[in-house]
């Protein structure tokens, strides 16, 4: 039995969840998302627009595996359209800075050239200081993907800690060579 799958998903007041065929459409103040869920395997109950429950029609190994995942994907869509998701990245290093130029994020990261990152649709990036980036959006997977792509441009190195890291991320530091 799935421990996560059993829990009902509460629906906030501003969010609408509509089931049409095998797609679930979630509309909220921050956007729209749609999920494909196998209706032959799962039974979806929307109770008066207050909560959603997901139950398998018959319990076997494949339905047990997919139960918690589908519930989590639906919960992420509901939370994303109501509150949204955000990640904060920090640029550490001498001369490391970022600036927005329209839909392009321009970063100076110690290379001989500037790096221009094109911001995808549905994602907002704020440059609070020159060294902190706030990535926000309604799709959790897309926010995480953009953050990981930006971090992969200059990952933090273990000796001085220079690079792009998430806020609160611990960097394993190494000791330099000894005489």
N, C-alpha and C. Protein backbone atom coordinates (compact mmCIF):
# COMPACT_ATOMS: atom_id res chain seq x y z
N UNK A 1 0.84 -1.19 0.00
CA UNK A 1 0.00 0.00 0.00
C UNK A 1 0.87 1.24 0.00
N UNK A 2 0.43 2.24 -0.74
CA UNK A 2 1.17 3.49 -0.81
C UNK A 2 0.78 4.39 0.35
N UNK A 3 1.79 4.89 1.07
CA UNK A 3 1.51 5.78 2.19
C UNK A 3 1.18 7.18 1.69
N UNK A 4 1.87 7.62 0.64
CA UNK A 4 1.62 8.95 0.10
C UNK A 4 0.31 8.97 -0.69
N UNK A 5 0.05 7.91 -1.44
CA UNK A 5 -1.13 7.87 -2.30
C UNK A 5 -2.44 7.92 -1.55
N UNK A 6 -2.47 7.44 -0.31
CA UNK A 6 -3.71 7.42 0.47
C UNK A 6 -4.18 8.81 0.89
N UNK A 7 -3.24 9.75 1.01
CA UNK A 7 -3.56 11.08 1.54
C UNK A 7 -4.33 11.88 0.49
N UNK A 8 -5.47 12.48 0.89
CA UNK A 8 -6.23 13.34 -0.01
C UNK A 8 -5.49 14.65 -0.24
N UNK A 9 -5.67 15.23 -1.42
CA UNK A 9 -5.01 16.49 -1.76
C UNK A 9 -6.01 17.62 -1.56
N UNK A 10 -5.74 18.55 -0.62
CA UNK A 10 -6.66 19.68 -0.45
C UNK A 10 -6.53 20.67 -1.62
N UNK A 11 -7.65 21.23 -2.05
CA UNK A 11 -7.66 22.19 -3.14
C UNK A 11 -7.89 23.58 -2.55
N UNK A 12 -6.96 24.54 -2.76
CA UNK A 12 -7.18 25.91 -2.28
C UNK A 12 -8.39 26.56 -2.97
N UNK A 13 -8.88 27.66 -2.40
CA UNK A 13 -10.10 28.30 -2.90
C UNK A 13 -9.97 28.81 -4.33
N UNK A 14 -8.80 29.33 -4.70
CA UNK A 14 -8.63 29.97 -6.01
C UNK A 14 -8.36 28.97 -7.13
N UNK A 15 -8.18 27.69 -6.80
CA UNK A 15 -7.78 26.68 -7.79
C UNK A 15 -8.98 25.85 -8.22
N UNK A 16 -9.08 25.58 -9.54
CA UNK A 16 -10.13 24.72 -10.09
C UNK A 16 -9.48 23.46 -10.65
N UNK A 17 -10.02 22.29 -10.29
CA UNK A 17 -9.54 21.02 -10.81
C UNK A 17 -10.67 20.39 -11.61
N UNK A 18 -10.43 20.14 -12.91
CA UNK A 18 -11.46 19.61 -13.79
C UNK A 18 -10.93 18.34 -14.45
N UNK A 19 -11.73 17.27 -14.38
CA UNK A 19 -11.37 15.99 -14.99
C UNK A 19 -12.11 15.87 -16.32
N UNK A 20 -11.36 15.71 -17.42
CA UNK A 20 -11.99 15.51 -18.73
C UNK A 20 -11.26 14.37 -19.43
N UNK A 21 -11.93 13.23 -19.52
CA UNK A 21 -11.31 12.04 -20.11
C UNK A 21 -10.23 11.52 -19.20
N UNK A 22 -9.01 11.38 -19.72
CA UNK A 22 -7.90 10.93 -18.88
C UNK A 22 -6.93 12.07 -18.56
N UNK A 23 -7.34 13.34 -18.80
CA UNK A 23 -6.51 14.48 -18.44
C UNK A 23 -7.16 15.26 -17.31
N UNK A 24 -6.32 15.71 -16.40
CA UNK A 24 -6.79 16.55 -15.30
C UNK A 24 -6.24 17.95 -15.56
N UNK A 25 -7.15 18.92 -15.67
CA UNK A 25 -6.77 20.31 -15.90
C UNK A 25 -6.83 21.06 -14.58
N UNK A 26 -5.74 21.72 -14.22
CA UNK A 26 -5.65 22.48 -12.98
C UNK A 26 -5.45 23.95 -13.36
N UNK A 27 -6.38 24.81 -12.92
CA UNK A 27 -6.28 26.24 -13.19
C UNK A 27 -6.19 27.00 -11.88
N UNK A 28 -5.27 27.95 -11.83
CA UNK A 28 -5.11 28.76 -10.63
C UNK A 28 -4.65 30.15 -10.99
N UNK A 29 -4.40 30.98 -9.98
CA UNK A 29 -3.97 32.36 -10.26
C UNK A 29 -2.61 32.45 -10.95
N UNK A 30 -1.75 31.44 -10.81
CA UNK A 30 -0.42 31.50 -11.41
C UNK A 30 -0.31 30.77 -12.74
N UNK A 31 -1.40 30.17 -13.23
CA UNK A 31 -1.33 29.52 -14.53
C UNK A 31 -2.17 28.27 -14.62
N UNK A 32 -2.00 27.55 -15.73
CA UNK A 32 -2.74 26.32 -16.00
C UNK A 32 -1.75 25.18 -16.19
N UNK A 33 -2.15 23.99 -15.73
CA UNK A 33 -1.36 22.79 -15.96
C UNK A 33 -2.31 21.65 -16.26
N UNK A 34 -1.86 20.70 -17.07
CA UNK A 34 -2.68 19.52 -17.34
C UNK A 34 -1.82 18.28 -17.16
N UNK A 35 -2.45 17.25 -16.57
CA UNK A 35 -1.77 15.98 -16.30
C UNK A 35 -2.53 14.84 -16.96
N UNK A 36 -1.79 13.89 -17.52
CA UNK A 36 -2.41 12.68 -18.06
C UNK A 36 -2.32 11.58 -17.01
N UNK A 37 -3.48 11.07 -16.59
CA UNK A 37 -3.51 9.98 -15.61
C UNK A 37 -4.33 8.85 -16.21
N UNK A 38 -3.84 7.62 -16.07
CA UNK A 38 -4.51 6.45 -16.61
C UNK A 38 -5.80 6.19 -15.84
N UNK A 39 -6.94 6.46 -16.50
CA UNK A 39 -8.25 6.33 -15.85
C UNK A 39 -8.63 4.85 -15.68
N UNK A 40 -8.09 3.98 -16.53
CA UNK A 40 -8.39 2.56 -16.40
C UNK A 40 -7.72 1.96 -15.17
N UNK A 41 -6.62 2.55 -14.72
CA UNK A 41 -5.90 2.04 -13.56
C UNK A 41 -6.31 2.74 -12.26
N UNK A 42 -6.64 4.04 -12.34
CA UNK A 42 -6.94 4.82 -11.14
C UNK A 42 -8.34 5.42 -11.18
N UNK A 43 -8.91 5.55 -10.00
CA UNK A 43 -10.21 6.19 -9.82
C UNK A 43 -9.97 7.55 -9.17
N UNK A 44 -10.45 8.63 -9.80
CA UNK A 44 -10.22 9.98 -9.30
C UNK A 44 -11.53 10.56 -8.80
N UNK A 45 -11.55 10.99 -7.53
CA UNK A 45 -12.74 11.59 -6.94
C UNK A 45 -12.45 13.04 -6.56
N UNK A 46 -13.26 13.97 -7.09
CA UNK A 46 -13.15 15.38 -6.72
C UNK A 46 -14.34 15.70 -5.83
N UNK A 47 -14.08 15.97 -4.55
CA UNK A 47 -15.15 16.19 -3.57
C UNK A 47 -15.48 17.67 -3.43
N UNK A 48 -16.54 18.14 -4.08
CA UNK A 48 -17.08 19.51 -3.97
C UNK A 48 -16.02 20.59 -4.18
N UNK A 49 -14.97 20.31 -4.93
CA UNK A 49 -13.93 21.31 -5.16
C UNK A 49 -13.08 21.59 -3.93
N UNK A 50 -13.13 20.70 -2.92
CA UNK A 50 -12.34 20.92 -1.70
C UNK A 50 -11.14 20.01 -1.61
N UNK A 51 -11.28 18.76 -2.07
CA UNK A 51 -10.12 17.87 -2.10
C UNK A 51 -10.27 16.82 -3.19
N UNK A 52 -9.12 16.23 -3.55
CA UNK A 52 -9.05 15.22 -4.61
C UNK A 52 -8.44 13.96 -4.01
N UNK A 53 -9.04 12.81 -4.33
CA UNK A 53 -8.45 11.54 -3.90
C UNK A 53 -8.18 10.68 -5.12
N UNK A 54 -7.13 9.90 -5.04
CA UNK A 54 -6.69 9.03 -6.12
C UNK A 54 -6.58 7.63 -5.56
N UNK A 55 -7.31 6.66 -6.14
CA UNK A 55 -7.28 5.28 -5.66
C UNK A 55 -7.16 4.34 -6.85
N UNK A 56 -6.35 3.27 -6.71
CA UNK A 56 -6.26 2.30 -7.80
C UNK A 56 -7.50 1.42 -7.84
N UNK A 57 -7.90 1.01 -9.05
CA UNK A 57 -9.08 0.16 -9.19
C UNK A 57 -8.80 -1.26 -8.72
N UNK A 58 -7.57 -1.77 -8.98
CA UNK A 58 -7.15 -3.04 -8.40
C UNK A 58 -5.70 -2.93 -7.98
N UNK A 59 -5.37 -3.52 -6.84
CA UNK A 59 -4.02 -3.42 -6.30
C UNK A 59 -3.13 -4.51 -6.88
N UNK A 60 -2.17 -4.12 -7.69
CA UNK A 60 -1.11 -5.01 -8.13
C UNK A 60 0.20 -4.21 -8.10
N UNK A 61 1.29 -4.85 -8.47
CA UNK A 61 2.61 -4.20 -8.34
C UNK A 61 2.72 -2.89 -9.12
N UNK A 62 2.23 -2.87 -10.37
CA UNK A 62 2.37 -1.65 -11.17
C UNK A 62 1.51 -0.52 -10.63
N UNK A 63 0.29 -0.82 -10.18
CA UNK A 63 -0.57 0.25 -9.66
C UNK A 63 -0.04 0.78 -8.33
N UNK A 64 0.57 -0.08 -7.52
CA UNK A 64 1.17 0.37 -6.26
C UNK A 64 2.32 1.33 -6.53
N UNK A 65 3.12 1.01 -7.55
CA UNK A 65 4.26 1.85 -7.89
C UNK A 65 3.84 3.23 -8.40
N UNK A 66 2.80 3.25 -9.22
CA UNK A 66 2.39 4.50 -9.85
C UNK A 66 1.45 5.35 -9.00
N UNK A 67 0.87 4.77 -7.94
CA UNK A 67 -0.12 5.46 -7.12
C UNK A 67 0.47 6.70 -6.45
N UNK A 68 1.55 6.53 -5.71
CA UNK A 68 2.17 7.65 -5.01
C UNK A 68 2.76 8.68 -5.96
N UNK A 69 3.32 8.22 -7.08
CA UNK A 69 3.90 9.15 -8.03
C UNK A 69 2.84 10.04 -8.66
N UNK A 70 1.72 9.44 -9.10
CA UNK A 70 0.65 10.22 -9.71
C UNK A 70 0.03 11.19 -8.72
N UNK A 71 -0.09 10.78 -7.47
CA UNK A 71 -0.63 11.66 -6.43
C UNK A 71 0.31 12.84 -6.22
N UNK A 72 1.63 12.59 -6.20
CA UNK A 72 2.61 13.65 -6.01
C UNK A 72 2.61 14.61 -7.20
N UNK A 73 2.49 14.10 -8.42
CA UNK A 73 2.44 14.96 -9.59
C UNK A 73 1.21 15.87 -9.57
N UNK A 74 0.07 15.31 -9.16
CA UNK A 74 -1.17 16.09 -9.06
C UNK A 74 -1.05 17.15 -7.97
N UNK A 75 -0.46 16.77 -6.83
CA UNK A 75 -0.27 17.72 -5.73
C UNK A 75 0.68 18.85 -6.15
N UNK A 76 1.76 18.51 -6.87
CA UNK A 76 2.70 19.53 -7.35
C UNK A 76 2.02 20.50 -8.31
N UNK A 77 1.11 20.00 -9.15
CA UNK A 77 0.39 20.88 -10.09
C UNK A 77 -0.54 21.82 -9.33
N UNK A 78 -1.21 21.32 -8.29
CA UNK A 78 -2.14 22.15 -7.52
C UNK A 78 -1.38 23.21 -6.72
N UNK A 79 -0.29 22.81 -6.07
CA UNK A 79 0.52 23.77 -5.30
C UNK A 79 1.18 24.79 -6.24
N UNK A 80 1.63 24.34 -7.40
CA UNK A 80 2.29 25.23 -8.35
C UNK A 80 1.36 26.30 -8.90
N UNK A 81 0.10 25.94 -9.19
CA UNK A 81 -0.82 26.93 -9.73
C UNK A 81 -1.35 27.87 -8.66
N UNK A 82 -1.29 27.47 -7.39
CA UNK A 82 -1.77 28.37 -6.33
C UNK A 82 -0.64 29.20 -5.72
N UNK A 83 0.46 28.57 -5.31
CA UNK A 83 1.55 29.29 -4.65
C UNK A 83 2.76 29.48 -5.56
N UNK A 84 3.06 28.49 -6.37
CA UNK A 84 4.24 28.53 -7.22
C UNK A 84 5.45 27.97 -6.50
N UNK A 85 6.53 27.79 -7.23
CA UNK A 85 7.78 27.26 -6.69
C UNK A 85 8.88 28.25 -6.98
N UNK A 86 9.89 28.28 -6.10
CA UNK A 86 11.03 29.14 -6.36
C UNK A 86 12.30 28.53 -5.79
N UNK A 87 13.40 28.84 -6.46
CA UNK A 87 14.73 28.44 -6.02
C UNK A 87 15.62 29.67 -6.07
N UNK A 88 16.52 29.77 -5.09
CA UNK A 88 17.44 30.90 -5.03
C UNK A 88 18.85 30.38 -5.28
N UNK A 89 19.54 30.97 -6.26
CA UNK A 89 20.92 30.60 -6.58
C UNK A 89 21.85 31.74 -6.17
N UNK A 90 23.02 31.37 -5.69
CA UNK A 90 24.02 32.35 -5.28
C UNK A 90 25.27 32.18 -6.14
N UNK A 91 25.82 33.30 -6.61
CA UNK A 91 27.06 33.30 -7.38
C UNK A 91 28.18 33.70 -6.42
N UNK A 92 29.15 32.80 -6.24
CA UNK A 92 30.26 33.05 -5.33
C UNK A 92 31.55 33.11 -6.13
N UNK A 93 32.27 34.21 -6.01
CA UNK A 93 33.53 34.36 -6.70
C UNK A 93 33.80 35.82 -7.02
N UNK A 94 35.06 36.17 -7.18
CA UNK A 94 35.44 37.55 -7.46
C UNK A 94 35.02 37.89 -8.89
N UNK A 95 34.22 38.94 -9.04
CA UNK A 95 33.78 39.39 -10.36
C UNK A 95 32.63 38.60 -10.94
N UNK A 96 32.05 37.68 -10.17
CA UNK A 96 30.91 36.92 -10.65
C UNK A 96 29.67 37.78 -10.49
N UNK A 97 28.91 37.99 -11.57
CA UNK A 97 27.68 38.77 -11.47
C UNK A 97 26.72 38.37 -12.58
N UNK A 98 25.46 38.72 -12.36
CA UNK A 98 24.41 38.41 -13.33
C UNK A 98 23.56 39.64 -13.56
N UNK A 99 22.98 39.73 -14.76
CA UNK A 99 22.09 40.83 -15.11
C UNK A 99 21.06 40.33 -16.12
N UNK A 100 19.87 40.89 -16.05
CA UNK A 100 18.81 40.54 -16.99
C UNK A 100 18.81 41.51 -18.16
N UNK A 101 18.70 40.95 -19.37
CA UNK A 101 18.56 41.77 -20.57
C UNK A 101 17.37 41.23 -21.35
N UNK A 102 16.17 41.68 -20.97
CA UNK A 102 14.94 41.18 -21.61
C UNK A 102 14.68 39.74 -21.19
N UNK A 103 14.62 38.81 -22.17
CA UNK A 103 14.40 37.39 -21.89
C UNK A 103 15.72 36.62 -21.83
N UNK A 104 16.84 37.33 -21.67
CA UNK A 104 18.15 36.67 -21.62
C UNK A 104 18.84 37.03 -20.31
N UNK A 105 19.35 36.02 -19.62
CA UNK A 105 20.13 36.20 -18.40
C UNK A 105 21.60 36.25 -18.79
N UNK A 106 22.25 37.38 -18.53
CA UNK A 106 23.66 37.56 -18.88
C UNK A 106 24.49 37.36 -17.62
N UNK A 107 25.45 36.42 -17.66
CA UNK A 107 26.27 36.12 -16.49
C UNK A 107 27.75 36.26 -16.82
N UNK A 108 28.49 36.86 -15.88
CA UNK A 108 29.94 36.93 -15.97
C UNK A 108 30.48 36.02 -14.88
N UNK A 109 31.09 34.90 -15.28
CA UNK A 109 31.47 33.86 -14.34
C UNK A 109 32.96 33.53 -14.39
N UNK A 110 33.78 34.48 -14.73
CA UNK A 110 35.22 34.25 -14.73
C UNK A 110 35.75 33.61 -15.99
N UNK A 111 34.90 33.39 -16.99
CA UNK A 111 35.37 32.89 -18.27
C UNK A 111 35.84 34.09 -19.09
N UNK A 112 36.44 33.84 -20.25
CA UNK A 112 36.90 34.93 -21.11
C UNK A 112 35.73 35.60 -21.83
N UNK A 113 34.53 35.01 -21.72
CA UNK A 113 33.35 35.56 -22.40
C UNK A 113 32.16 35.55 -21.44
N UNK A 114 31.16 36.35 -21.74
CA UNK A 114 29.91 36.34 -20.98
C UNK A 114 29.07 35.15 -21.41
N UNK A 115 28.26 34.64 -20.47
CA UNK A 115 27.35 33.55 -20.79
C UNK A 115 25.95 34.12 -20.85
N UNK A 116 25.25 33.88 -21.96
CA UNK A 116 23.86 34.31 -22.13
C UNK A 116 22.96 33.09 -22.05
N UNK A 117 22.04 33.09 -21.07
CA UNK A 117 21.10 31.98 -20.89
C UNK A 117 19.72 32.48 -21.26
N UNK A 118 19.09 31.82 -22.23
CA UNK A 118 17.75 32.21 -22.66
C UNK A 118 16.72 31.63 -21.69
N UNK A 119 15.89 32.49 -21.12
CA UNK A 119 14.90 32.07 -20.11
C UNK A 119 13.70 31.45 -20.83
N UNK A 120 13.32 30.20 -20.48
CA UNK A 120 12.17 29.56 -21.13
C UNK A 120 10.84 30.19 -20.69
N UNK A 121 9.78 29.91 -21.47
CA UNK A 121 8.45 30.43 -21.13
C UNK A 121 7.96 29.78 -19.84
N UNK A 122 7.23 30.55 -19.02
CA UNK A 122 6.69 30.04 -17.77
C UNK A 122 7.63 30.18 -16.59
N UNK A 123 8.84 30.70 -16.82
CA UNK A 123 9.83 30.88 -15.76
C UNK A 123 10.15 32.36 -15.63
N UNK A 124 10.20 32.83 -14.38
CA UNK A 124 10.61 34.21 -14.11
C UNK A 124 11.91 34.18 -13.32
N UNK A 125 12.88 34.98 -13.73
CA UNK A 125 14.14 35.07 -13.01
C UNK A 125 14.31 36.52 -12.56
N UNK A 126 14.53 36.70 -11.26
CA UNK A 126 14.80 38.02 -10.68
C UNK A 126 16.24 38.07 -10.22
N UNK A 127 16.95 39.14 -10.54
CA UNK A 127 18.30 39.34 -10.05
C UNK A 127 18.19 40.35 -8.92
N UNK A 128 18.20 39.84 -7.65
CA UNK A 128 18.02 40.73 -6.51
C UNK A 128 19.26 41.59 -6.29
N UNK A 129 20.38 40.92 -6.03
CA UNK A 129 21.67 41.62 -6.03
C UNK A 129 22.34 41.13 -7.31
N UNK A 130 23.56 41.51 -7.54
CA UNK A 130 24.24 41.00 -8.73
C UNK A 130 24.65 39.56 -8.54
N UNK A 131 24.63 39.07 -7.29
CA UNK A 131 25.10 37.71 -7.02
C UNK A 131 24.01 36.75 -6.58
N UNK A 132 22.74 37.17 -6.54
CA UNK A 132 21.66 36.25 -6.18
C UNK A 132 20.59 36.25 -7.27
N UNK A 133 20.17 35.04 -7.65
CA UNK A 133 19.13 34.85 -8.65
C UNK A 133 17.95 34.16 -8.01
N UNK A 134 16.74 34.64 -8.27
CA UNK A 134 15.53 33.99 -7.78
C UNK A 134 14.78 33.44 -8.99
N UNK A 135 14.67 32.12 -9.08
CA UNK A 135 13.99 31.46 -10.19
C UNK A 135 12.63 31.03 -9.68
N UNK A 136 11.56 31.46 -10.34
CA UNK A 136 10.21 31.10 -9.89
C UNK A 136 9.34 30.71 -11.07
N UNK A 137 8.33 29.88 -10.78
CA UNK A 137 7.40 29.43 -11.81
C UNK A 137 6.35 28.52 -11.20
N UNK A 138 5.39 28.10 -12.02
CA UNK A 138 4.30 27.27 -11.50
C UNK A 138 4.58 25.77 -11.67
N UNK A 139 5.53 25.41 -12.52
CA UNK A 139 5.86 24.01 -12.76
C UNK A 139 7.12 23.64 -11.98
N UNK A 140 6.99 22.75 -11.00
CA UNK A 140 8.12 22.38 -10.13
C UNK A 140 9.27 21.76 -10.92
N UNK A 141 8.95 20.90 -11.88
CA UNK A 141 9.97 20.22 -12.66
C UNK A 141 10.75 21.22 -13.52
N UNK A 142 10.04 22.20 -14.10
CA UNK A 142 10.69 23.17 -14.96
C UNK A 142 11.58 24.12 -14.16
N UNK A 143 11.13 24.53 -12.96
CA UNK A 143 11.93 25.40 -12.10
C UNK A 143 13.23 24.70 -11.70
N UNK A 144 13.13 23.44 -11.31
CA UNK A 144 14.31 22.66 -10.93
C UNK A 144 15.26 22.44 -12.10
N UNK A 145 14.69 22.24 -13.29
CA UNK A 145 15.50 22.01 -14.48
C UNK A 145 16.30 23.26 -14.85
N UNK A 146 15.64 24.44 -14.80
CA UNK A 146 16.32 25.69 -15.12
C UNK A 146 17.43 25.95 -14.10
N UNK A 147 17.13 25.72 -12.81
CA UNK A 147 18.14 25.93 -11.76
C UNK A 147 19.33 25.01 -11.97
N UNK A 148 19.09 23.76 -12.34
CA UNK A 148 20.19 22.83 -12.53
C UNK A 148 21.00 23.16 -13.78
N UNK A 149 20.35 23.67 -14.83
CA UNK A 149 21.08 24.07 -16.04
C UNK A 149 21.99 25.27 -15.75
N UNK A 150 21.48 26.22 -14.96
CA UNK A 150 22.30 27.39 -14.63
C UNK A 150 23.46 26.98 -13.72
N UNK A 151 23.19 26.08 -12.75
CA UNK A 151 24.25 25.62 -11.85
C UNK A 151 25.33 24.84 -12.60
N UNK A 152 24.94 24.12 -13.66
CA UNK A 152 25.91 23.30 -14.39
C UNK A 152 26.88 24.14 -15.22
N UNK A 153 26.57 25.42 -15.44
CA UNK A 153 27.48 26.30 -16.19
C UNK A 153 28.78 26.47 -15.41
N UNK A 154 28.69 26.67 -14.10
CA UNK A 154 29.88 26.84 -13.25
C UNK A 154 29.59 26.21 -11.89
N UNK A 155 29.75 24.88 -11.75
CA UNK A 155 29.50 24.24 -10.45
C UNK A 155 30.53 24.68 -9.42
N UNK A 156 30.16 24.71 -8.13
CA UNK A 156 31.12 25.15 -7.11
C UNK A 156 32.31 24.20 -6.99
N UNK A 157 33.51 24.78 -6.95
CA UNK A 157 34.70 23.94 -6.85
C UNK A 157 35.07 23.78 -5.37
N UNK A 158 35.74 22.67 -5.01
CA UNK A 158 35.90 22.32 -3.59
C UNK A 158 36.99 23.09 -2.84
N UNK A 159 37.86 23.83 -3.51
CA UNK A 159 38.98 24.47 -2.82
C UNK A 159 38.63 25.86 -2.31
N UNK A 160 38.08 26.72 -3.16
CA UNK A 160 37.68 28.06 -2.72
C UNK A 160 36.18 28.23 -2.64
N UNK A 161 35.41 27.31 -3.22
CA UNK A 161 33.96 27.40 -3.19
C UNK A 161 33.39 28.31 -4.26
N UNK A 162 34.20 28.67 -5.26
CA UNK A 162 33.72 29.56 -6.31
C UNK A 162 32.80 28.80 -7.25
N UNK A 163 31.72 29.46 -7.67
CA UNK A 163 30.78 28.86 -8.60
C UNK A 163 29.35 29.26 -8.29
N UNK A 164 28.39 28.55 -8.89
CA UNK A 164 26.97 28.81 -8.67
C UNK A 164 26.41 27.70 -7.80
N UNK A 165 25.79 28.08 -6.68
CA UNK A 165 25.19 27.08 -5.79
C UNK A 165 23.81 27.53 -5.35
N UNK A 166 23.02 26.56 -4.88
CA UNK A 166 21.71 26.89 -4.34
C UNK A 166 21.88 27.48 -2.95
N UNK A 167 20.90 28.28 -2.55
CA UNK A 167 20.97 28.87 -1.21
C UNK A 167 20.84 27.76 -0.17
N UNK A 168 21.78 27.72 0.75
CA UNK A 168 21.76 26.70 1.79
C UNK A 168 22.48 25.41 1.41
N UNK A 169 22.98 25.30 0.20
CA UNK A 169 23.70 24.10 -0.24
C UNK A 169 25.07 24.06 0.42
N UNK A 170 25.42 22.90 0.97
CA UNK A 170 26.71 22.74 1.62
C UNK A 170 27.73 22.26 0.59
N UNK A 171 28.87 22.93 0.55
CA UNK A 171 29.93 22.54 -0.37
C UNK A 171 31.03 21.86 0.43
N UNK A 172 31.36 20.64 0.06
CA UNK A 172 32.44 19.90 0.72
C UNK A 172 33.76 20.56 0.34
N UNK A 173 34.43 21.11 1.31
CA UNK A 173 35.67 21.85 1.06
C UNK A 173 36.88 20.94 1.27
N UNK A 174 37.90 21.13 0.42
CA UNK A 174 39.13 20.36 0.53
C UNK A 174 40.25 21.27 0.98
N UNK A 175 41.23 20.67 1.61
CA UNK A 175 42.39 21.43 2.04
C UNK A 175 43.36 21.51 0.87
N UNK A 176 44.03 22.66 0.72
CA UNK A 176 45.01 22.84 -0.35
C UNK A 176 46.26 22.04 -0.10
N UNK A 177 47.21 22.07 -1.03
CA UNK A 177 48.42 21.29 -0.85
C UNK A 177 49.33 21.93 0.20
N UNK A 178 50.05 21.09 0.92
CA UNK A 178 50.91 21.55 2.01
C UNK A 178 52.35 21.58 1.56
N UNK A 179 53.15 22.43 2.23
CA UNK A 179 54.58 22.52 1.90
C UNK A 179 55.36 21.43 2.56
